[in-house]
Amino acid sequence: MPRRAGALGTYRFWRDIGYAAGALVAGVLAGVLGLHGTVIVAAVLTAASGLLAPRWITDTAKA
């Protein structure tokens, strides 16, 4: 159980940091790539996070 708790805590930490840092990065990306490019980057990052989270959160260790 501690491994799962640590993975979930790490995931939530990065998710919560994303609210502040994501706005700043999105602003810079919008200036460089335009709105369309920024939305694509956000979609790719969101998909990657969604695909990796279950792998990191699932506890496969035998008790």
PDB file of N, CA and C in Angstrom:
ATOM      1  N   MET A   1       0.805  -1.207   0.000  1.00  0.00           N
ATOM      2  CA  MET A   1       0.000   0.000   0.000  1.00  0.00           C
ATOM      3  C   MET A   1       0.849   1.273   0.000  1.00  0.00           C
ATOM      4  N   PRO A   2       1.982   1.366   0.691  1.00  0.00           N
ATOM      5  CA  PRO A   2       2.753   2.604   0.689  1.00  0.00           C
ATOM      6  C   PRO A   2       3.231   3.002  -0.711  1.00  0.00           C
ATOM      7  N   ARG A   3       3.534   2.018  -1.560  1.00  0.00           N
ATOM      8  CA  ARG A   3       3.990   2.335  -2.909  1.00  0.00           C
ATOM      9  C   ARG A   3       2.888   3.047  -3.697  1.00  0.00           C
ATOM     10  N   ARG A   4       1.668   2.564  -3.559  1.00  0.00           N
ATOM     11  CA  ARG A   4       0.551   3.186  -4.261  1.00  0.00           C
ATOM     12  C   ARG A   4       0.308   4.597  -3.729  1.00  0.00           C
ATOM     13  N   ALA A   5       0.373   4.753  -2.426  1.00  0.00           N
ATOM     14  CA  ALA A   5       0.157   6.076  -1.828  1.00  0.00           C
ATOM     15  C   ALA A   5       1.207   7.068  -2.315  1.00  0.00           C
ATOM     16  N   GLY A   6       2.446   6.639  -2.391  1.00  0.00           N
ATOM     17  CA  GLY A   6       3.508   7.516  -2.885  1.00  0.00           C
ATOM     18  C   GLY A   6       3.311   7.896  -4.342  1.00  0.00           C
ATOM     19  N   ALA A   7       2.915   6.919  -5.160  1.00  0.00           N
ATOM     20  CA  ALA A   7       2.674   7.187  -6.579  1.00  0.00           C
ATOM     21  C   ALA A   7       1.505   8.153  -6.755  1.00  0.00           C
ATOM     22  N   LEU A   8       0.446   7.942  -5.987  1.00  0.00           N
ATOM     23  CA  LEU A   8      -0.711   8.819  -6.078  1.00  0.00           C
ATOM     24  C   LEU A   8      -0.359  10.231  -5.604  1.00  0.00           C
ATOM     25  N   GLY A   9       0.414  10.331  -4.535  1.00  0.00           N
ATOM     26  CA  GLY A   9       0.849  11.639  -4.046  1.00  0.00           C
ATOM     27  C   GLY A   9       1.697  12.379  -5.066  1.00  0.00           C
ATOM     28  N   THR A  10       2.603  11.661  -5.719  1.00  0.00           N
ATOM     29  CA  THR A  10       3.447  12.276  -6.753  1.00  0.00           C
ATOM     30  C   THR A  10       2.600  12.753  -7.919  1.00  0.00           C
ATOM     31  N   TYR A  11       1.665  11.915  -8.343  1.00  0.00           N
ATOM     32  CA  TYR A  11       0.786  12.287  -9.459  1.00  0.00           C
ATOM     33  C   TYR A  11      -0.025  13.543  -9.112  1.00  0.00           C
ATOM     34  N   ARG A  12      -0.581  13.578  -7.923  1.00  0.00           N
ATOM     35  CA  ARG A  12      -1.395  14.735  -7.521  1.00  0.00           C
ATOM     36  C   ARG A  12      -0.544  15.989  -7.368  1.00  0.00           C
ATOM     37  N   PHE A  13       0.704  15.832  -6.892  1.00  0.00           N
ATOM     38  CA  PHE A  13       1.602  16.978  -6.781  1.00  0.00           C
ATOM     39  C   PHE A  13       1.813  17.621  -8.151  1.00  0.00           C
ATOM     40  N   TRP A  14       2.159  16.809  -9.148  1.00  0.00           N
ATOM     41  CA  TRP A  14       2.404  17.349 -10.483  1.00  0.00           C
ATOM     42  C   TRP A  14       1.129  17.908 -11.096  1.00  0.00           C
ATOM     43  N   ARG A  15       0.006  17.269 -10.834  1.00  0.00           N
ATOM     44  CA  ARG A  15      -1.260  17.776 -11.342  1.00  0.00           C
ATOM     45  C   ARG A  15      -1.568  19.146 -10.742  1.00  0.00           C
ATOM     46  N   ASP A  16      -1.373  19.292  -9.436  1.00  0.00           N
ATOM     47  CA  ASP A  16      -1.667  20.557  -8.771  1.00  0.00           C
ATOM     48  C   ASP A  16      -0.696  21.658  -9.186  1.00  0.00           C
ATOM     49  N   ILE A  17       0.570  21.319  -9.371  1.00  0.00           N
ATOM     50  CA  ILE A  17       1.555  22.302  -9.857  1.00  0.00           C
ATOM     51  C   ILE A  17       1.158  22.777 -11.258  1.00  0.00           C
ATOM     52  N   GLY A  18       0.534  21.886 -12.012  1.00  0.00           N
ATOM     53  CA  GLY A  18       0.131  22.213 -13.379  1.00  0.00           C
ATOM     54  C   GLY A  18      -0.833  23.378 -13.479  1.00  0.00           C
ATOM     55  N   TYR A  19      -1.629  23.603 -12.442  1.00  0.00           N
ATOM     56  CA  TYR A  19      -2.560  24.731 -12.492  1.00  0.00           C
ATOM     57  C   TYR A  19      -1.809  26.064 -12.593  1.00  0.00           C
ATOM     58  N   ALA A  20      -0.738  26.209 -11.871  1.00  0.00           N
ATOM     59  CA  ALA A  20       0.027  27.459 -11.905  1.00  0.00           C
ATOM     60  C   ALA A  20       1.027  27.460 -13.057  1.00  0.00           C
ATOM     61  N   ALA A  21       1.854  26.426 -13.112  1.00  0.00           N
ATOM     62  CA  ALA A  21       2.894  26.374 -14.138  1.00  0.00           C
ATOM     63  C   ALA A  21       2.286  26.216 -15.527  1.00  0.00           C
ATOM     64  N   GLY A  22       1.197  25.474 -15.616  1.00  0.00           N
ATOM     65  CA  GLY A  22       0.562  25.254 -16.914  1.00  0.00           C
ATOM     66  C   GLY A  22       0.084  26.542 -17.554  1.00  0.00           C
ATOM     67  N   ALA A  23      -0.442  27.446 -16.766  1.00  0.00           N
ATOM     68  CA  ALA A  23      -0.910  28.724 -17.300  1.00  0.00           C
ATOM     69  C   ALA A  23       0.268  29.541 -17.846  1.00  0.00           C
ATOM     70  N   LEU A  24       1.375  29.519 -17.121  1.00  0.00           N
ATOM     71  CA  LEU A  24       2.550  30.256 -17.579  1.00  0.00           C
ATOM     72  C   LEU A  24       3.131  29.645 -18.855  1.00  0.00           C
ATOM     73  N   VAL A  25       3.256  28.326 -18.864  1.00  0.00           N
ATOM     74  CA  VAL A  25       3.803  27.641 -20.038  1.00  0.00           C
ATOM     75  C   VAL A  25       2.867  27.803 -21.237  1.00  0.00           C
ATOM     76  N   ALA A  26       1.571  27.709 -21.008  1.00  0.00           N
ATOM     77  CA  ALA A  26       0.610  27.882 -22.101  1.00  0.00           C
ATOM     78  C   ALA A  26       0.706  29.281 -22.700  1.00  0.00           C
ATOM     79  N   GLY A  27       0.926  30.270 -21.872  1.00  0.00           N
ATOM     80  CA  GLY A  27       1.090  31.633 -22.380  1.00  0.00           C
ATOM     81  C   GLY A  27       2.313  31.778 -23.256  1.00  0.00           C
ATOM     82  N   VAL A  28       3.415  31.181 -22.828  1.00  0.00           N
ATOM     83  CA  VAL A  28       4.645  31.228 -23.631  1.00  0.00           C
ATOM     84  C   VAL A  28       4.451  30.451 -24.937  1.00  0.00           C
ATOM     85  N   LEU A  29       3.869  29.252 -24.829  1.00  0.00           N
ATOM     86  CA  LEU A  29       3.625  28.447 -26.033  1.00  0.00           C
ATOM     87  C   LEU A  29       2.686  29.151 -27.001  1.00  0.00           C
ATOM     88  N   ALA A  30       1.680  29.820 -26.497  1.00  0.00           N
ATOM     89  CA  ALA A  30       0.746  30.544 -27.364  1.00  0.00           C
ATOM     90  C   ALA A  30       1.469  31.640 -28.131  1.00  0.00           C
ATOM     91  N   GLY A  31       2.436  32.275 -27.475  1.00  0.00           N
ATOM     92  CA  GLY A  31       3.214  33.294 -28.152  1.00  0.00           C
ATOM     93  C   GLY A  31       4.119  32.723 -29.234  1.00  0.00           C
ATOM     94  N   VAL A  32       4.611  31.507 -29.005  1.00  0.00           N
ATOM     95  CA  VAL A  32       5.542  30.879 -29.949  1.00  0.00           C
ATOM     96  C   VAL A  32       4.803  30.064 -31.025  1.00  0.00           C
ATOM     97  N   LEU A  33       3.859  29.235 -30.612  1.00  0.00           N
ATOM     98  CA  LEU A  33       3.195  28.307 -31.521  1.00  0.00           C
ATOM     99  C   LEU A  33       1.827  28.766 -31.996  1.00  0.00           C
ATOM    100  N   GLY A  34       1.270  29.741 -31.333  1.00  0.00           N
ATOM    101  CA  GLY A  34      -0.097  30.142 -31.632  1.00  0.00           C
ATOM    102  C   GLY A  34      -1.065  29.297 -30.813  1.00  0.00           C
ATOM    103  N   LEU A  35      -2.334  29.678 -30.846  1.00  0.00           N
ATOM    104  CA  LEU A  35      -3.345  28.992 -30.037  1.00  0.00           C
ATOM    105  C   LEU A  35      -3.523  27.536 -30.462  1.00  0.00           C
ATOM    106  N   HIS A  36      -3.564  27.275 -31.749  1.00  0.00           N
ATOM    107  CA  HIS A  36      -3.769  25.911 -32.246  1.00  0.00           C
ATOM    108  C   HIS A  36      -2.647  24.981 -31.774  1.00  0.00           C
ATOM    109  N   GLY A  37      -1.406  25.415 -31.905  1.00  0.00           N
ATOM    110  CA  GLY A  37      -0.274  24.597 -31.461  1.00  0.00           C
ATOM    111  C   GLY A  37      -0.277  24.363 -29.962  1.00  0.00           C
ATOM    112  N   THR A  38      -0.680  25.362 -29.213  1.00  0.00           N
ATOM    113  CA  THR A  38      -0.740  25.236 -27.763  1.00  0.00           C
ATOM    114  C   THR A  38      -1.790  24.211 -27.343  1.00  0.00           C
ATOM    115  N   VAL A  39      -2.934  24.213 -28.003  1.00  0.00           N
ATOM    116  CA  VAL A  39      -3.984  23.244 -27.687  1.00  0.00           C
ATOM    117  C   VAL A  39      -3.505  21.825 -28.005  1.00  0.00           C
ATOM    118  N   ILE A  40      -2.790  21.647 -29.098  1.00  0.00           N
ATOM    119  CA  ILE A  40      -2.263  20.324 -29.456  1.00  0.00           C
ATOM    120  C   ILE A  40      -1.256  19.845 -28.407  1.00  0.00           C
ATOM    121  N   VAL A  41      -0.353  20.715 -27.985  1.00  0.00           N
ATOM    122  CA  VAL A  41       0.614  20.347 -26.949  1.00  0.00           C
ATOM    123  C   VAL A  41      -0.106  19.965 -25.657  1.00  0.00           C
ATOM    124  N   ALA A  42      -1.103  20.727 -25.264  1.00  0.00           N
ATOM    125  CA  ALA A  42      -1.868  20.415 -24.047  1.00  0.00           C
ATOM    126  C   ALA A  42      -2.578  19.074 -24.175  1.00  0.00           C
ATOM    127  N   ALA A  43      -3.123  18.776 -25.346  1.00  0.00           N
ATOM    128  CA  ALA A  43      -3.812  17.504 -25.556  1.00  0.00           C
ATOM    129  C   ALA A  43      -2.836  16.328 -25.465  1.00  0.00           C
ATOM    130  N   VAL A  44      -1.657  16.479 -26.032  1.00  0.00           N
ATOM    131  CA  VAL A  44      -0.651  15.404 -25.985  1.00  0.00           C
ATOM    132  C   VAL A  44      -0.191  15.173 -24.544  1.00  0.00           C
ATOM    133  N   LEU A  45       0.059  16.232 -23.804  1.00  0.00           N
ATOM    134  CA  LEU A  45       0.489  16.087 -22.412  1.00  0.00           C
ATOM    135  C   LEU A  45      -0.607  15.462 -21.550  1.00  0.00           C
ATOM    136  N   THR A  46      -1.846  15.849 -21.783  1.00  0.00           N
ATOM    137  CA  THR A  46      -2.958  15.284 -21.029  1.00  0.00           C
ATOM    138  C   THR A  46      -3.121  13.800 -21.330  1.00  0.00           C
ATOM    139  N   ALA A  47      -3.014  13.429 -22.591  1.00  0.00           N
ATOM    140  CA  ALA A  47      -3.126  12.014 -22.975  1.00  0.00           C
ATOM    141  C   ALA A  47      -1.989  11.197 -22.371  1.00  0.00           C
ATOM    142  N   ALA A  48      -0.777  11.726 -22.419  1.00  0.00           N
ATOM    143  CA  ALA A  48       0.371  11.015 -21.842  1.00  0.00           C
ATOM    144  C   ALA A  48       0.179  10.814 -20.344  1.00  0.00           C
ATOM    145  N   SER A  49      -0.292  11.831 -19.663  1.00  0.00           N
ATOM    146  CA  SER A  49      -0.542  11.726 -18.230  1.00  0.00           C
ATOM    147  C   SER A  49      -1.601  10.672 -17.934  1.00  0.00           C
ATOM    148  N   GLY A  50      -2.660  10.680 -18.715  1.00  0.00           N
ATOM    149  CA  GLY A  50      -3.733   9.708 -18.516  1.00  0.00           C
ATOM    150  C   GLY A  50      -3.290   8.277 -18.780  1.00  0.00           C
ATOM    151  N   LEU A  51      -2.377   8.088 -19.727  1.00  0.00           N
ATOM    152  CA  LEU A  51      -1.882   6.752 -20.036  1.00  0.00           C
ATOM    153  C   LEU A  51      -0.855   6.259 -19.013  1.00  0.00           C
ATOM    154  N   LEU A  52      -0.077   7.157 -18.471  1.00  0.00           N
ATOM    155  CA  LEU A  52       0.960   6.770 -17.508  1.00  0.00           C
ATOM    156  C   LEU A  52       0.438   6.619 -16.086  1.00  0.00           C
ATOM    157  N   ALA A  53      -0.558   7.402 -15.709  1.00  0.00           N
ATOM    158  CA  ALA A  53      -1.051   7.380 -14.332  1.00  0.00           C
ATOM    159  C   ALA A  53      -1.505   6.002 -13.868  1.00  0.00           C
ATOM    160  N   PRO A  54      -2.321   5.281 -14.641  1.00  0.00           N
ATOM    161  CA  PRO A  54      -2.742   3.954 -14.154  1.00  0.00           C
ATOM    162  C   PRO A  54      -1.563   3.000 -13.948  1.00  0.00           C
ATOM    163  N   ARG A  55      -0.576   3.117 -14.779  1.00  0.00           N
ATOM    164  CA  ARG A  55       0.607   2.255 -14.641  1.00  0.00           C
ATOM    165  C   ARG A  55       1.354   2.560 -13.347  1.00  0.00           C
ATOM    166  N   TRP A  56       1.485   3.836 -13.010  1.00  0.00           N
ATOM    167  CA  TRP A  56       2.221   4.228 -11.815  1.00  0.00           C
ATOM    168  C   TRP A  56       1.401   4.032 -10.556  1.00  0.00           C
ATOM    169  N   ILE A  57       0.091   4.184 -10.639  1.00  0.00           N
ATOM    170  CA  ILE A  57      -0.751   4.117  -9.448  1.00  0.00           C
ATOM    171  C   ILE A  57      -1.109   2.680  -9.076  1.00  0.00           C
ATOM    172  N   THR A  58      -1.269   1.807 -10.056  1.00  0.00           N
ATOM    173  CA  THR A  58      -1.652   0.429  -9.790  1.00  0.00           C
ATOM    174  C   THR A  58      -0.588  -0.272  -8.965  1.00  0.00           C
ATOM    175  N   ASP A  59      -0.993  -0.838  -7.870  1.00  0.00           N
ATOM    176  CA  ASP A  59      -0.067  -1.543  -7.000  1.00  0.00           C
ATOM    177  C   ASP A  59      -0.071  -3.025  -7.366  1.00  0.00           C
ATOM    178  N   THR A  60       1.025  -3.493  -7.944  1.00  0.00           N
ATOM    179  CA  THR A  60       1.103  -4.889  -8.378  1.00  0.00           C
ATOM    180  C   THR A  60       1.903  -5.758  -7.405  1.00  0.00           C
ATOM    181  N   ALA A  61       2.452  -5.149  -6.366  1.00  0.00           N
ATOM    182  CA  ALA A  61       3.240  -5.908  -5.388  1.00  0.00           C
ATOM    183  C   ALA A  61       2.334  -6.818  -4.567  1.00  0.00           C
ATOM    184  N   LYS A  62       2.818  -8.009  -4.302  1.00  0.00           N
ATOM    185  CA  LYS A  62       2.063  -8.963  -3.461  1.00  0.00           C
ATOM    186  C   LYS A  62       2.232  -8.589  -1.999  1.00  0.00           C
ATOM    187  N   ALA A  63       1.164  -8.653  -1.257  1.00  0.00           N
ATOM    188  CA  ALA A  63       1.212  -8.287   0.160  1.00  0.00           C
ATOM    189  C   ALA A  63       1.825  -9.359   1.004  1.00  0.00           C
TER     190      ALA A  63
END
